[in-house]
Amino acid sequence: MSGKDEALTGLWTPPANGSGLRAASNKWDEAIERVVIESFKVAYGGGIVTIDKGSTYYEDVKGRVLIGWHGTYNPPRDMAGYSAIEKD
């Protein structure tokens, strides 16, 4: 990709610069489990998903937050309600 970060599209389109929102991802196979230290907001599908302090969430290898159908994140879920990530 010529050295640039891969830009995700559709529901996972990155937020505008300076918005204060974190970027979302659908890179399910890269899931890294995290626990929130301080609440934050993620741009997803033209809206905002709030990830609350103390919640478990998942990131891809570039630090983008994995957000599933209807803003699900613990775990992110597919349209049928199943987890989009594989846990060990």
Protein backbone atom coordinates (compact mmCIF):
# COMPACT_ATOMS: atom_id res chain seq x y z
CA MET A 1 0.00 0.00 0.00
CA SER A 2 2.85 2.37 -0.70
CA GLY A 3 3.56 3.08 2.97
CA LYS A 4 0.24 4.73 3.83
CA ASP A 5 -2.17 3.45 6.46
CA GLU A 6 -4.98 1.43 4.97
CA ALA A 7 -8.13 3.57 4.98
CA LEU A 8 -11.24 1.63 5.91
CA THR A 9 -14.52 2.61 4.28
CA GLY A 10 -18.25 2.24 4.81
CA LEU A 11 -19.24 1.88 8.45
CA TRP A 12 -15.56 2.06 9.43
CA THR A 13 -14.69 5.32 7.62
CA PRO A 14 -12.13 7.24 9.73
CA PRO A 15 -13.33 10.30 11.66
CA ALA A 16 -12.47 13.80 10.53
CA ASN A 17 -9.16 15.15 11.79
CA GLY A 18 -9.58 17.12 15.00
CA SER A 19 -12.90 15.44 15.88
CA GLY A 20 -11.49 13.85 19.05
CA LEU A 21 -12.97 10.52 17.95
CA ARG A 22 -10.99 7.31 17.60
CA ALA A 23 -11.13 5.31 14.37
CA ALA A 24 -13.10 2.06 14.09
CA SER A 25 -12.01 -1.14 12.35
CA ASN A 26 -13.36 -4.42 11.02
CA LYS A 27 -10.04 -6.29 11.06
CA TRP A 28 -11.48 -9.09 13.23
CA ASP A 29 -8.48 -11.39 12.71
CA GLU A 30 -6.20 -8.80 14.36
CA ALA A 31 -8.19 -8.56 17.62
CA ILE A 32 -6.16 -7.52 20.66
CA GLU A 33 -8.13 -7.43 23.92
CA ARG A 34 -7.90 -4.21 25.96
CA VAL A 35 -9.53 -2.72 29.06
CA VAL A 36 -10.51 0.96 29.05
CA ILE A 37 -8.64 3.17 31.52
CA GLU A 38 -10.48 6.37 30.53
CA SER A 39 -13.77 6.50 28.57
CA PHE A 40 -13.49 7.45 24.89
CA LYS A 41 -15.61 7.77 21.75
CA VAL A 42 -15.29 6.00 18.40
CA ALA A 43 -16.63 7.07 14.98
CA TYR A 44 -18.78 4.30 13.51
CA GLY A 45 -21.36 4.34 10.72
CA GLY A 46 -21.82 8.11 10.80
CA GLY A 47 -22.46 8.01 14.55
CA ILE A 48 -20.52 7.69 17.78
CA VAL A 49 -19.95 4.67 20.02
CA THR A 50 -18.93 5.42 23.62
CA ILE A 51 -16.57 2.93 25.25
CA ASP A 52 -16.92 3.30 29.03
CA LYS A 53 -14.16 3.17 31.62
CA GLY A 54 -13.56 -0.39 32.81
CA SER A 55 -15.07 -1.98 29.69
CA THR A 56 -13.33 -4.63 27.63
CA TYR A 57 -12.91 -3.80 23.94
CA TYR A 58 -10.71 -4.94 21.06
CA GLU A 59 -8.24 -3.14 18.79
CA ASP A 60 -6.58 -4.05 15.51
CA VAL A 61 -2.79 -3.89 15.16
CA LYS A 62 -2.96 -0.18 14.24
CA GLY A 63 -4.90 0.72 17.39
CA ARG A 64 -8.27 1.14 15.67
CA VAL A 65 -11.22 -0.06 17.76
CA LEU A 66 -13.09 -3.13 16.49
CA ILE A 67 -16.75 -2.15 16.22
CA GLY A 68 -19.39 -4.61 15.09
CA TRP A 69 -23.00 -4.45 13.94
CA HIS A 70 -25.05 -1.75 15.70
CA GLY A 71 -21.98 -0.48 17.58
CA THR A 72 -21.17 -3.66 19.48
CA TYR A 73 -17.65 -3.92 20.88
CA ASN A 74 -17.51 -6.50 23.71
CA PRO A 75 -17.25 -8.51 21.63
CA PRO A 76 -17.98 -6.91 18.27
CA ARG A 77 -20.85 -8.90 16.74
CA ASP A 78 -21.95 -9.75 13.22
CA MET A 79 -25.46 -9.21 11.80
CA ALA A 80 -26.66 -12.53 13.27
CA GLY A 81 -25.46 -11.58 16.75
CA TYR A 82 -22.43 -13.88 16.80
CA SER A 83 -18.99 -12.74 17.90
CA ALA A 84 -16.95 -11.44 14.96
CA ILE A 85 -13.69 -12.40 16.69
CA GLU A 86 -12.25 -15.68 17.78
CA LYS A 87 -11.19 -15.94 21.40
CA ASP A 88 -8.63 -18.52 22.52
